[in-house]
N, C-alpha and C. Protein backbone atom coordinates (compact mmCIF):
# COMPACT_ATOMS: atom_id res chain seq x y z
N MET A 1 86.02 95.40 115.49
CA MET A 1 86.61 94.15 115.01
C MET A 1 86.07 92.98 115.82
N THR A 2 85.94 91.83 115.21
CA THR A 2 85.51 90.63 115.91
C THR A 2 86.71 89.99 116.58
N SER A 3 86.47 88.92 117.40
CA SER A 3 87.56 88.24 118.08
C SER A 3 88.49 87.56 117.08
N GLU A 4 87.99 87.23 115.89
CA GLU A 4 88.82 86.64 114.84
C GLU A 4 89.54 87.71 114.04
N MET A 5 89.37 88.98 114.43
CA MET A 5 90.02 90.11 113.78
C MET A 5 89.60 90.25 112.32
N GLU A 6 88.34 90.01 112.05
CA GLU A 6 87.76 90.32 110.76
C GLU A 6 87.16 91.72 110.82
N PHE A 7 87.10 92.39 109.67
CA PHE A 7 86.31 93.62 109.62
C PHE A 7 84.85 93.25 109.83
N GLU A 8 84.11 94.16 110.44
CA GLU A 8 82.71 93.90 110.77
C GLU A 8 81.79 94.85 110.01
N CYS A 9 80.78 94.28 109.35
CA CYS A 9 79.87 95.05 108.49
C CYS A 9 78.45 94.99 109.05
N LEU A 10 77.76 96.12 108.95
CA LEU A 10 76.33 96.18 109.23
C LEU A 10 75.62 96.40 107.90
N LEU A 11 74.85 95.41 107.47
CA LEU A 11 74.14 95.46 106.19
C LEU A 11 72.68 95.79 106.46
N ILE A 12 72.24 96.92 105.92
CA ILE A 12 70.86 97.39 106.15
C ILE A 12 70.07 97.24 104.86
N SER A 13 69.23 96.23 104.81
CA SER A 13 68.42 95.99 103.61
C SER A 13 67.32 94.99 103.93
N ARG A 14 66.18 95.16 103.26
CA ARG A 14 65.11 94.18 103.34
C ARG A 14 64.90 93.51 101.98
N ASP A 15 65.80 93.76 101.03
CA ASP A 15 65.73 93.19 99.69
C ASP A 15 66.56 91.91 99.63
N PRO A 16 65.94 90.74 99.46
CA PRO A 16 66.68 89.47 99.44
C PRO A 16 67.76 89.43 98.36
N GLY A 17 67.50 90.07 97.21
CA GLY A 17 68.49 90.08 96.14
C GLY A 17 69.74 90.85 96.53
N VAL A 18 69.58 92.00 97.18
CA VAL A 18 70.71 92.79 97.62
C VAL A 18 71.48 92.04 98.71
N VAL A 19 70.76 91.47 99.67
CA VAL A 19 71.39 90.75 100.77
C VAL A 19 72.20 89.57 100.25
N CYS A 20 71.65 88.82 99.33
CA CYS A 20 72.33 87.65 98.78
C CYS A 20 73.62 88.05 98.06
N ALA A 21 73.53 89.08 97.20
CA ALA A 21 74.70 89.53 96.44
C ALA A 21 75.79 90.05 97.36
N MET A 22 75.40 90.82 98.38
CA MET A 22 76.37 91.39 99.31
C MET A 22 77.03 90.32 100.16
N ASN A 23 76.23 89.40 100.68
CA ASN A 23 76.77 88.37 101.57
C ASN A 23 77.84 87.53 100.89
N LYS A 24 77.64 87.22 99.63
CA LYS A 24 78.60 86.39 98.90
C LYS A 24 79.96 87.08 98.80
N VAL A 25 79.95 88.36 98.44
CA VAL A 25 81.20 89.09 98.28
C VAL A 25 81.83 89.39 99.64
N LEU A 26 81.02 89.73 100.64
CA LEU A 26 81.54 90.00 101.98
C LEU A 26 82.23 88.78 102.56
N GLU A 27 81.68 87.62 102.31
CA GLU A 27 82.31 86.38 102.79
C GLU A 27 83.67 86.18 102.13
N ASN A 28 83.74 86.46 100.82
CA ASN A 28 85.02 86.33 100.11
C ASN A 28 86.06 87.32 100.62
N LEU A 29 85.61 88.44 101.14
CA LEU A 29 86.52 89.44 101.69
C LEU A 29 86.82 89.22 103.17
N SER A 30 86.32 88.11 103.72
CA SER A 30 86.51 87.77 105.14
C SER A 30 85.98 88.88 106.05
N ILE A 31 84.81 89.41 105.68
CA ILE A 31 84.16 90.44 106.48
C ILE A 31 82.95 89.83 107.16
N SER A 32 82.89 89.96 108.48
CA SER A 32 81.76 89.46 109.25
C SER A 32 80.56 90.39 109.06
N THR A 33 79.36 89.82 108.89
CA THR A 33 78.19 90.63 108.54
C THR A 33 77.05 90.45 109.53
N ASN A 34 76.47 91.58 109.94
CA ASN A 34 75.23 91.60 110.72
C ASN A 34 74.15 92.24 109.85
N LEU A 35 73.00 91.60 109.77
CA LEU A 35 71.90 92.09 108.94
C LEU A 35 70.88 92.84 109.78
N CYS A 36 70.46 94.00 109.26
CA CYS A 36 69.41 94.80 109.90
C CYS A 36 68.42 95.22 108.82
N LEU A 37 67.13 95.21 109.15
CA LEU A 37 66.12 95.48 108.13
C LEU A 37 65.82 96.95 107.94
N SER A 38 66.19 97.81 108.89
CA SER A 38 65.87 99.23 108.75
C SER A 38 66.93 100.09 109.40
N SER A 39 67.05 101.34 108.94
CA SER A 39 68.04 102.28 109.48
C SER A 39 67.74 102.63 110.93
N SER A 40 66.46 102.73 111.29
CA SER A 40 66.10 103.10 112.66
C SER A 40 66.60 102.07 113.67
N LYS A 41 66.51 100.80 113.31
CA LYS A 41 66.98 99.74 114.20
C LYS A 41 68.51 99.63 114.17
N ALA A 42 69.11 100.07 113.06
CA ALA A 42 70.56 99.94 112.92
C ALA A 42 71.32 100.80 113.91
N LEU A 43 70.77 101.94 114.31
CA LEU A 43 71.47 102.84 115.23
C LEU A 43 71.78 102.16 116.56
N GLU A 44 70.89 101.28 117.00
CA GLU A 44 71.12 100.57 118.26
C GLU A 44 72.34 99.66 118.15
N GLN A 45 72.57 99.08 116.97
CA GLN A 45 73.68 98.16 116.80
C GLN A 45 75.02 98.88 116.63
N LEU A 46 74.98 100.19 116.43
CA LEU A 46 76.21 100.95 116.23
C LEU A 46 76.74 101.57 117.51
N SER A 47 76.05 101.38 118.61
CA SER A 47 76.42 102.06 119.84
C SER A 47 77.77 101.60 120.40
N ASP A 48 78.19 100.37 120.09
CA ASP A 48 79.46 99.88 120.66
C ASP A 48 80.66 100.31 119.84
N GLY A 49 80.43 100.92 118.66
CA GLY A 49 81.52 101.45 117.86
C GLY A 49 82.39 100.42 117.18
N ALA A 50 81.93 99.15 117.11
CA ALA A 50 82.76 98.08 116.56
C ALA A 50 82.58 97.90 115.05
N THR A 51 81.65 98.63 114.45
CA THR A 51 81.35 98.44 113.03
C THR A 51 82.34 99.20 112.15
N ASP A 52 82.94 98.49 111.20
CA ASP A 52 83.91 99.08 110.29
C ASP A 52 83.29 99.51 108.97
N LEU A 53 82.20 98.82 108.56
CA LEU A 53 81.57 99.05 107.26
C LEU A 53 80.05 99.04 107.43
N ILE A 54 79.40 100.02 106.82
CA ILE A 54 77.93 100.05 106.79
C ILE A 54 77.49 100.05 105.33
N ILE A 55 76.64 99.10 104.98
CA ILE A 55 76.06 99.04 103.64
C ILE A 55 74.58 99.36 103.79
N VAL A 56 74.13 100.42 103.13
CA VAL A 56 72.75 100.89 103.26
C VAL A 56 72.02 100.74 101.93
N ASP A 57 70.98 99.94 101.93
CA ASP A 57 70.07 99.88 100.79
C ASP A 57 69.19 101.12 100.89
N TRP A 58 69.47 102.11 100.05
CA TRP A 58 68.98 103.48 100.26
C TRP A 58 67.47 103.59 100.25
N GLU A 59 66.94 104.26 101.32
CA GLU A 59 65.51 104.53 101.45
C GLU A 59 65.33 105.97 101.92
N ASP A 60 64.08 106.37 102.15
CA ASP A 60 63.78 107.76 102.48
C ASP A 60 64.46 108.23 103.77
N ASP A 61 64.60 107.33 104.74
CA ASP A 61 65.18 107.74 106.02
C ASP A 61 66.69 107.53 106.09
N SER A 62 67.31 107.09 105.00
CA SER A 62 68.73 106.77 105.02
C SER A 62 69.61 108.01 105.20
N ALA A 63 69.21 109.14 104.59
CA ALA A 63 70.00 110.36 104.71
C ALA A 63 70.06 110.83 106.16
N ASP A 64 68.93 110.76 106.87
CA ASP A 64 68.91 111.15 108.28
C ASP A 64 69.77 110.20 109.11
N PHE A 65 69.73 108.93 108.80
CA PHE A 65 70.56 107.92 109.48
C PHE A 65 72.04 108.25 109.30
N LEU A 66 72.40 108.63 108.09
CA LEU A 66 73.80 108.96 107.81
C LEU A 66 74.24 110.20 108.57
N ARG A 67 73.39 111.21 108.65
CA ARG A 67 73.72 112.44 109.39
C ARG A 67 73.95 112.13 110.87
N ARG A 68 73.17 111.24 111.42
CA ARG A 68 73.32 110.90 112.83
C ARG A 68 74.62 110.15 113.09
N ILE A 69 75.06 109.35 112.13
CA ILE A 69 76.36 108.68 112.26
C ILE A 69 77.48 109.71 112.24
N GLN A 70 77.37 110.68 111.32
CA GLN A 70 78.42 111.69 111.18
C GLN A 70 78.53 112.57 112.41
N LYS A 71 77.41 112.76 113.13
CA LYS A 71 77.42 113.59 114.32
C LYS A 71 77.79 112.82 115.59
N SER A 72 77.94 111.52 115.46
CA SER A 72 78.27 110.71 116.63
C SER A 72 79.67 111.04 117.12
N GLY A 73 79.94 110.70 118.38
CA GLY A 73 81.21 111.07 118.99
C GLY A 73 82.32 110.06 118.79
N THR A 74 82.09 109.02 118.00
CA THR A 74 83.13 108.01 117.82
C THR A 74 84.31 108.60 117.05
N TRP A 75 85.52 108.24 117.45
CA TRP A 75 86.74 108.83 116.87
C TRP A 75 87.01 108.31 115.47
N GLN A 76 86.51 107.11 115.16
CA GLN A 76 86.74 106.56 113.84
C GLN A 76 85.41 106.20 113.21
N LYS A 77 85.07 106.88 112.13
CA LYS A 77 83.80 106.65 111.47
C LYS A 77 83.90 105.47 110.50
N PRO A 78 82.83 104.68 110.36
CA PRO A 78 82.86 103.54 109.45
C PRO A 78 82.82 103.98 107.99
N THR A 79 83.27 103.10 107.12
CA THR A 79 83.13 103.31 105.68
C THR A 79 81.67 103.07 105.30
N ILE A 80 81.12 103.95 104.46
CA ILE A 80 79.70 103.88 104.10
C ILE A 80 79.56 103.50 102.63
N VAL A 81 78.79 102.43 102.37
CA VAL A 81 78.45 102.02 101.02
C VAL A 81 76.94 102.15 100.86
N ALA A 82 76.52 102.85 99.80
CA ALA A 82 75.09 103.01 99.53
C ALA A 82 74.71 102.19 98.30
N VAL A 83 73.62 101.46 98.41
CA VAL A 83 73.05 100.74 97.27
C VAL A 83 71.88 101.58 96.77
N SER A 84 72.04 102.17 95.59
CA SER A 84 71.09 103.19 95.16
C SER A 84 70.98 103.25 93.65
N SER A 85 69.89 103.80 93.18
CA SER A 85 69.71 104.02 91.74
C SER A 85 70.35 105.32 91.30
N ARG A 86 70.83 106.13 92.28
CA ARG A 86 71.50 107.39 91.97
C ARG A 86 73.00 107.27 92.21
N ASP A 87 73.79 108.05 91.48
CA ASP A 87 75.25 108.02 91.65
C ASP A 87 75.68 108.57 93.00
N TYR A 88 75.02 109.66 93.47
CA TYR A 88 75.41 110.32 94.71
C TYR A 88 74.18 110.50 95.59
N PRO A 89 73.83 109.49 96.37
CA PRO A 89 72.61 109.59 97.17
C PRO A 89 72.69 110.61 98.29
N ALA A 90 73.88 110.84 98.86
CA ALA A 90 74.01 111.82 99.96
C ALA A 90 75.47 112.05 100.27
N ALA A 91 75.75 113.20 100.88
CA ALA A 91 77.12 113.49 101.32
C ALA A 91 77.51 112.51 102.42
N GLY A 92 78.76 112.10 102.40
CA GLY A 92 79.23 111.17 103.41
C GLY A 92 79.28 109.73 102.96
N VAL A 93 78.70 109.44 101.80
CA VAL A 93 78.77 108.09 101.23
C VAL A 93 80.11 107.95 100.51
N HIS A 94 80.85 106.90 100.84
CA HIS A 94 82.18 106.70 100.25
C HIS A 94 82.15 105.90 98.95
N VAL A 95 81.25 104.93 98.86
CA VAL A 95 81.16 104.06 97.69
C VAL A 95 79.69 103.85 97.37
N VAL A 96 79.35 103.85 96.06
CA VAL A 96 77.97 103.63 95.63
C VAL A 96 77.91 102.38 94.76
N VAL A 97 76.93 101.52 95.05
CA VAL A 97 76.63 100.37 94.20
C VAL A 97 75.31 100.68 93.49
N ARG A 98 75.37 100.76 92.18
CA ARG A 98 74.16 101.11 91.42
C ARG A 98 73.21 99.94 91.31
N LYS A 99 71.92 100.25 91.42
CA LYS A 99 70.87 99.26 91.18
C LYS A 99 70.53 99.22 89.69
N PRO A 100 70.17 98.04 89.18
CA PRO A 100 70.12 96.73 89.85
C PRO A 100 71.52 96.18 90.10
N VAL A 101 71.71 95.56 91.25
CA VAL A 101 73.04 95.07 91.62
C VAL A 101 73.39 93.81 90.82
N THR A 102 74.67 93.69 90.54
CA THR A 102 75.20 92.48 89.91
C THR A 102 76.41 92.03 90.73
N GLU A 103 76.81 90.79 90.56
CA GLU A 103 77.98 90.30 91.30
C GLU A 103 79.22 91.10 90.93
N THR A 104 79.32 91.50 89.65
CA THR A 104 80.48 92.27 89.20
C THR A 104 80.52 93.64 89.86
N SER A 105 79.39 94.34 89.86
CA SER A 105 79.35 95.69 90.45
C SER A 105 79.56 95.65 91.95
N VAL A 106 78.98 94.66 92.62
CA VAL A 106 79.15 94.53 94.06
C VAL A 106 80.61 94.22 94.41
N THR A 107 81.23 93.32 93.65
CA THR A 107 82.62 92.96 93.90
C THR A 107 83.55 94.16 93.74
N LYS A 108 83.37 94.91 92.65
CA LYS A 108 84.21 96.09 92.40
C LYS A 108 84.05 97.12 93.51
N SER A 109 82.81 97.39 93.91
CA SER A 109 82.55 98.42 94.91
C SER A 109 83.03 98.01 96.30
N LEU A 110 82.81 96.76 96.68
CA LEU A 110 83.21 96.34 98.02
C LEU A 110 84.73 96.17 98.12
N LYS A 111 85.40 95.87 97.02
CA LYS A 111 86.86 95.85 97.06
C LYS A 111 87.40 97.26 97.31
N ALA A 112 86.76 98.26 96.69
CA ALA A 112 87.15 99.65 96.93
C ALA A 112 86.90 100.03 98.40
N ALA A 113 85.76 99.60 98.94
CA ALA A 113 85.46 99.87 100.34
C ALA A 113 86.46 99.17 101.26
N TYR A 114 86.83 97.95 100.92
CA TYR A 114 87.79 97.19 101.73
C TYR A 114 89.14 97.91 101.77
N SER A 115 89.59 98.40 100.62
CA SER A 115 90.87 99.11 100.57
C SER A 115 90.84 100.35 101.46
N ARG A 116 89.71 101.05 101.47
CA ARG A 116 89.58 102.23 102.32
C ARG A 116 89.61 101.85 103.80
N MET A 117 88.89 100.78 104.15
CA MET A 117 88.88 100.34 105.55
C MET A 117 90.27 99.93 106.01
N LEU A 118 90.98 99.21 105.14
CA LEU A 118 92.32 98.76 105.50
C LEU A 118 93.26 99.95 105.69
N TYR A 119 93.14 100.95 104.82
CA TYR A 119 93.96 102.16 104.95
C TYR A 119 93.65 102.87 106.26
N ASP A 120 92.37 103.03 106.58
CA ASP A 120 91.99 103.70 107.82
C ASP A 120 92.47 102.93 109.04
N PHE A 121 92.35 101.58 108.98
CA PHE A 121 92.77 100.77 110.12
C PHE A 121 94.27 100.92 110.35
N ARG A 122 95.05 100.83 109.29
CA ARG A 122 96.50 100.94 109.43
C ARG A 122 96.92 102.34 109.88
N ARG A 123 96.17 103.35 109.43
CA ARG A 123 96.52 104.73 109.79
C ARG A 123 96.27 104.99 111.27
N HIS A 124 95.23 104.37 111.84
CA HIS A 124 94.89 104.63 113.23
C HIS A 124 95.46 103.60 114.19
N ALA A 125 95.82 102.42 113.70
CA ALA A 125 96.30 101.36 114.59
C ALA A 125 97.62 101.75 115.24
N ARG A 126 97.76 101.40 116.50
CA ARG A 126 98.99 101.62 117.23
C ARG A 126 99.43 100.31 117.87
N TYR A 127 100.74 100.07 117.84
CA TYR A 127 101.30 98.85 118.40
C TYR A 127 102.21 99.22 119.56
N ALA A 128 101.97 98.58 120.69
CA ALA A 128 102.66 98.95 121.93
C ALA A 128 104.15 98.66 121.86
N LEU A 129 104.93 99.60 122.35
CA LEU A 129 106.37 99.45 122.52
C LEU A 129 106.74 100.05 123.87
N MET A 130 107.86 99.64 124.41
CA MET A 130 108.43 100.29 125.59
C MET A 130 109.92 100.40 125.35
N SER A 131 110.29 101.26 124.40
CA SER A 131 111.69 101.38 123.98
C SER A 131 112.24 102.74 124.40
N SER A 132 113.29 102.73 125.20
CA SER A 132 113.94 103.97 125.64
C SER A 132 114.95 104.42 124.59
N VAL A 133 114.87 105.68 124.19
CA VAL A 133 115.79 106.22 123.19
C VAL A 133 116.23 107.61 123.63
N GLN A 134 117.33 108.07 123.07
CA GLN A 134 117.76 109.45 123.28
C GLN A 134 117.33 110.26 122.07
N ALA A 135 116.41 111.19 122.29
CA ALA A 135 115.92 112.04 121.22
C ALA A 135 116.66 113.38 121.25
N VAL A 136 116.64 114.06 120.12
CA VAL A 136 117.33 115.34 120.00
C VAL A 136 116.35 116.39 119.48
N TYR A 137 116.26 117.51 120.18
CA TYR A 137 115.44 118.62 119.70
C TYR A 137 116.13 119.31 118.52
N GLU A 138 115.40 120.22 117.88
CA GLU A 138 115.97 120.96 116.75
C GLU A 138 117.18 121.80 117.17
N ASN A 139 117.20 122.21 118.45
CA ASN A 139 118.34 123.00 118.94
C ASN A 139 119.48 122.11 119.43
N LYS A 140 119.39 120.81 119.12
CA LYS A 140 120.42 119.81 119.44
C LYS A 140 120.42 119.39 120.91
N ARG A 141 119.49 119.89 121.71
CA ARG A 141 119.43 119.46 123.11
C ARG A 141 118.87 118.04 123.17
N ALA A 142 119.51 117.18 123.93
CA ALA A 142 119.11 115.79 124.03
C ALA A 142 118.10 115.59 125.17
N VAL A 143 117.21 114.62 125.00
CA VAL A 143 116.24 114.30 126.02
C VAL A 143 115.96 112.80 125.96
N GLU A 144 115.84 112.18 127.13
CA GLU A 144 115.52 110.76 127.20
C GLU A 144 114.00 110.58 127.11
N VAL A 145 113.56 109.76 126.17
CA VAL A 145 112.13 109.49 126.02
C VAL A 145 111.91 107.98 125.89
N THR A 146 110.70 107.57 126.17
CA THR A 146 110.29 106.18 125.96
C THR A 146 109.22 106.14 124.88
N ILE A 147 109.49 105.40 123.82
CA ILE A 147 108.49 105.22 122.76
C ILE A 147 107.48 104.20 123.25
N THR A 148 106.23 104.64 123.43
CA THR A 148 105.20 103.77 124.01
C THR A 148 104.38 103.03 122.97
N ASP A 149 104.23 103.62 121.78
CA ASP A 149 103.49 102.95 120.71
C ASP A 149 103.88 103.55 119.37
N ILE A 150 103.58 102.82 118.30
CA ILE A 150 103.95 103.28 116.96
C ILE A 150 102.93 102.77 115.95
N GLY A 151 102.73 103.54 114.87
CA GLY A 151 101.82 103.14 113.82
C GLY A 151 102.14 103.89 112.54
N ASP A 152 101.30 103.72 111.54
CA ASP A 152 101.50 104.43 110.27
C ASP A 152 101.38 105.94 110.44
N GLY A 153 100.58 106.38 111.41
CA GLY A 153 100.31 107.80 111.54
C GLY A 153 101.23 108.55 112.47
N GLY A 154 102.00 107.83 113.29
CA GLY A 154 102.88 108.53 114.21
C GLY A 154 103.29 107.64 115.37
N VAL A 155 103.86 108.28 116.41
CA VAL A 155 104.33 107.55 117.58
C VAL A 155 103.82 108.21 118.85
N GLY A 156 103.69 107.40 119.89
CA GLY A 156 103.41 107.92 121.21
C GLY A 156 104.67 107.80 122.05
N LEU A 157 104.88 108.74 122.94
CA LEU A 157 106.08 108.69 123.77
C LEU A 157 105.80 109.30 125.13
N SER A 158 106.72 109.06 126.04
CA SER A 158 106.64 109.66 127.37
C SER A 158 108.02 110.10 127.80
N SER A 159 108.06 111.08 128.69
CA SER A 159 109.33 111.61 129.16
C SER A 159 109.15 112.23 130.54
N ARG A 160 110.21 112.25 131.31
CA ARG A 160 110.17 112.92 132.60
C ARG A 160 110.21 114.43 132.43
N GLU A 161 110.65 114.87 131.27
CA GLU A 161 110.67 116.31 130.99
C GLU A 161 109.34 116.74 130.38
N GLU A 162 109.02 118.00 130.54
CA GLU A 162 107.79 118.54 129.95
C GLU A 162 107.97 118.68 128.44
N LEU A 163 107.01 118.17 127.70
CA LEU A 163 107.06 118.20 126.23
C LEU A 163 106.05 119.22 125.73
N ALA A 164 106.46 120.02 124.76
CA ALA A 164 105.61 121.11 124.27
C ALA A 164 105.08 120.80 122.88
N ILE A 165 103.81 121.11 122.66
CA ILE A 165 103.19 120.93 121.35
C ILE A 165 103.93 121.79 120.32
N GLY A 166 104.23 121.18 119.17
CA GLY A 166 104.93 121.89 118.10
C GLY A 166 106.42 121.62 118.06
N ASP A 167 106.98 121.13 119.17
CA ASP A 167 108.41 120.80 119.18
C ASP A 167 108.68 119.60 118.27
N SER A 168 109.85 119.60 117.64
CA SER A 168 110.26 118.49 116.78
C SER A 168 111.41 117.74 117.43
N LEU A 169 111.36 116.42 117.34
CA LEU A 169 112.38 115.55 117.89
C LEU A 169 112.87 114.59 116.81
N SER A 170 114.11 114.16 116.93
CA SER A 170 114.63 113.12 116.04
C SER A 170 115.28 112.04 116.89
N PHE A 171 115.20 110.81 116.46
CA PHE A 171 115.77 109.70 117.23
C PHE A 171 115.90 108.46 116.34
N HIS A 172 116.71 107.53 116.81
CA HIS A 172 116.84 106.23 116.17
C HIS A 172 116.09 105.21 117.02
N LEU A 173 115.31 104.36 116.36
CA LEU A 173 114.47 103.38 117.06
C LEU A 173 114.69 102.00 116.47
N LEU A 174 115.02 101.04 117.33
CA LEU A 174 115.15 99.65 116.90
C LEU A 174 113.84 98.93 117.18
N LEU A 175 113.11 98.59 116.11
CA LEU A 175 111.85 97.87 116.26
C LEU A 175 112.14 96.42 116.64
N PRO A 176 111.32 95.82 117.48
CA PRO A 176 111.55 94.42 117.88
C PRO A 176 111.64 93.50 116.66
N GLY A 177 112.75 92.77 116.57
CA GLY A 177 112.94 91.84 115.47
C GLY A 177 113.58 92.44 114.23
N ALA A 178 113.73 93.76 114.19
CA ALA A 178 114.34 94.42 113.02
C ALA A 178 115.85 94.27 113.07
N ASN A 179 116.48 94.34 111.89
CA ASN A 179 117.93 94.15 111.80
C ASN A 179 118.72 95.37 112.22
N ARG A 180 118.10 96.56 112.08
CA ARG A 180 118.83 97.77 112.42
C ARG A 180 117.84 98.86 112.81
N PRO A 181 118.30 99.89 113.51
CA PRO A 181 117.41 100.98 113.91
C PRO A 181 116.96 101.80 112.70
N ILE A 182 115.81 102.43 112.83
CA ILE A 182 115.33 103.36 111.82
C ILE A 182 115.40 104.78 112.38
N TYR A 183 115.54 105.74 111.49
CA TYR A 183 115.65 107.15 111.88
C TYR A 183 114.29 107.83 111.69
N ILE A 184 113.86 108.55 112.71
CA ILE A 184 112.55 109.20 112.69
C ILE A 184 112.68 110.65 113.14
N GLU A 185 112.10 111.55 112.37
CA GLU A 185 111.88 112.92 112.82
C GLU A 185 110.38 113.09 113.03
N ALA A 186 109.99 113.59 114.19
CA ALA A 186 108.57 113.68 114.53
C ALA A 186 108.27 115.01 115.22
N ARG A 187 107.02 115.44 115.08
CA ARG A 187 106.57 116.69 115.69
C ARG A 187 105.48 116.38 116.71
N ILE A 188 105.55 116.99 117.88
CA ILE A 188 104.58 116.73 118.95
C ILE A 188 103.25 117.41 118.61
N GLN A 189 102.18 116.60 118.55
CA GLN A 189 100.85 117.12 118.26
C GLN A 189 100.03 117.39 119.51
N TRP A 190 100.21 116.57 120.53
CA TRP A 190 99.53 116.79 121.80
C TRP A 190 100.43 116.34 122.93
N ALA A 191 100.23 116.90 124.10
CA ALA A 191 101.06 116.56 125.25
C ALA A 191 100.24 116.68 126.53
N ARG A 192 100.56 115.84 127.51
CA ARG A 192 99.91 115.85 128.81
C ARG A 192 100.91 116.28 129.89
N LYS A 193 100.42 116.77 130.99
CA LYS A 193 101.29 117.27 132.06
C LYS A 193 102.14 116.16 132.67
N TYR A 194 101.63 114.92 132.63
CA TYR A 194 102.38 113.83 133.24
C TYR A 194 103.42 113.22 132.30
N GLY A 195 103.71 113.87 131.15
CA GLY A 195 104.82 113.45 130.31
C GLY A 195 104.49 112.67 129.07
N ALA A 196 103.23 112.29 128.88
CA ALA A 196 102.84 111.56 127.68
C ALA A 196 102.62 112.53 126.52
N ALA A 197 102.92 112.07 125.31
CA ALA A 197 102.75 112.92 124.13
C ALA A 197 102.50 112.05 122.90
N GLY A 198 101.86 112.66 121.91
CA GLY A 198 101.63 112.00 120.63
C GLY A 198 102.28 112.81 119.52
N CYS A 199 102.94 112.12 118.60
CA CYS A 199 103.71 112.80 117.55
C CYS A 199 103.30 112.34 116.16
N GLU A 200 103.38 113.25 115.20
CA GLU A 200 103.23 112.90 113.80
C GLU A 200 104.61 112.86 113.15
N TYR A 201 104.74 112.05 112.12
CA TYR A 201 106.02 111.97 111.43
C TYR A 201 106.28 113.23 110.61
N VAL A 202 107.51 113.70 110.65
CA VAL A 202 107.96 114.80 109.80
C VAL A 202 108.79 114.25 108.65
N ARG A 203 109.71 113.33 108.99
CA ARG A 203 110.54 112.73 107.94
C ARG A 203 111.08 111.39 108.41
N ILE A 204 111.00 110.40 107.52
CA ILE A 204 111.65 109.11 107.71
C ILE A 204 112.33 108.77 106.39
N PRO A 205 113.62 108.48 106.36
CA PRO A 205 114.28 108.13 105.11
C PRO A 205 113.56 106.97 104.41
N PRO A 206 113.54 106.96 103.07
CA PRO A 206 112.79 105.93 102.33
C PRO A 206 113.11 104.50 102.74
N VAL A 207 114.38 104.18 102.92
CA VAL A 207 114.74 102.81 103.31
C VAL A 207 114.18 102.48 104.68
N ASP A 208 114.28 103.42 105.60
CA ASP A 208 113.75 103.20 106.95
C ASP A 208 112.23 103.13 106.94
N LEU A 209 111.59 103.91 106.07
CA LEU A 209 110.14 103.87 105.96
C LEU A 209 109.68 102.49 105.48
N ASN A 210 110.43 101.89 104.56
CA ASN A 210 110.10 100.54 104.10
C ASN A 210 110.21 99.54 105.24
N ILE A 211 111.24 99.70 106.07
CA ILE A 211 111.39 98.80 107.23
C ILE A 211 110.19 98.95 108.17
N LEU A 212 109.79 100.20 108.41
CA LEU A 212 108.64 100.45 109.29
C LEU A 212 107.37 99.83 108.71
N HIS A 213 107.12 100.06 107.44
CA HIS A 213 105.90 99.54 106.82
C HIS A 213 105.88 98.01 106.84
N ASP A 214 107.02 97.39 106.56
CA ASP A 214 107.08 95.92 106.59
C ASP A 214 106.84 95.41 108.01
N TRP A 215 107.38 96.10 108.99
CA TRP A 215 107.19 95.69 110.38
C TRP A 215 105.71 95.82 110.78
N LEU A 216 105.08 96.92 110.38
CA LEU A 216 103.67 97.12 110.71
C LEU A 216 102.78 96.08 110.03
N LYS A 217 103.12 95.76 108.77
CA LYS A 217 102.34 94.74 108.06
C LYS A 217 102.45 93.38 108.73
N SER A 218 103.64 93.09 109.27
CA SER A 218 103.82 91.80 109.95
C SER A 218 102.99 91.71 111.23
N LYS A 219 102.62 92.88 111.78
CA LYS A 219 101.81 92.92 112.98
C LYS A 219 100.31 93.00 112.66
N ASN A 220 99.98 93.11 111.38
CA ASN A 220 98.60 93.31 110.96
C ASN A 220 97.73 92.12 111.36
N PRO A 221 96.73 92.31 112.24
CA PRO A 221 95.92 91.18 112.69
C PRO A 221 94.70 90.89 111.81
N ILE A 222 94.54 91.62 110.70
CA ILE A 222 93.34 91.47 109.88
C ILE A 222 93.36 90.12 109.16
N LYS A 223 92.25 89.42 109.22
CA LYS A 223 92.11 88.16 108.50
C LYS A 223 92.16 88.42 107.00
N LYS A 224 92.96 87.65 106.29
CA LYS A 224 93.14 87.88 104.86
C LYS A 224 91.89 87.49 104.07
N PRO A 225 91.55 88.27 103.03
CA PRO A 225 90.43 87.91 102.17
C PRO A 225 90.69 86.61 101.42
N LEU A 226 89.63 85.96 100.98
CA LEU A 226 89.75 84.74 100.19
C LEU A 226 90.03 85.04 98.73
N VAL A 227 89.88 86.33 98.35
CA VAL A 227 90.12 86.75 96.97
C VAL A 227 91.14 87.87 96.97
N GLU A 228 91.73 88.14 95.81
CA GLU A 228 92.70 89.23 95.70
C GLU A 228 91.98 90.56 95.70
N VAL A 229 92.51 91.50 96.47
CA VAL A 229 91.91 92.84 96.55
C VAL A 229 92.82 93.83 95.85
């Protein structure tokens, strides 16, 4: 992400027509764009892991470039858009823009890519909290925990007690600024010896889930597109 919290795109193309069509739609989607003329040079620009979207004007070396991205150690892979005369240029491509490109086809495809990026961002984003709650195990034993972060995908917590992977906890959590606590059942996915753990959601009542989603959206730092997505 950039300092303005825009999604960041790496556009790989030496075709002025493709670059022009893409840049216009990317600007409307409030996506910052870096241009690269070849896949070989693009790998250097991906080393910092800040790229959210890659648009590849498909060439002979593009498949190898894509394989190298997939094998990279980054925890979150970018969304891949291929500009190609074929429907399925290679495995790992999320969206295809057929050649010859038109403003309509580019707009439709990049809106689909934007929706995927936004979903991935919200799923992985975590927002810091330091809220102490009393959680209850499935056997009704109570334990004091501190909720350290929360997101669409789960919560992080810490405790003075040892937490075991696979254990389920339930608790009520008052989000900052919310009118009432929400109820969460979560399962521990990973745990550290010093008391930190990460949990996935098992169940949140529908009304409470709406409160959580609205709260997360209010924290969303993504710059809004200039057009409806």
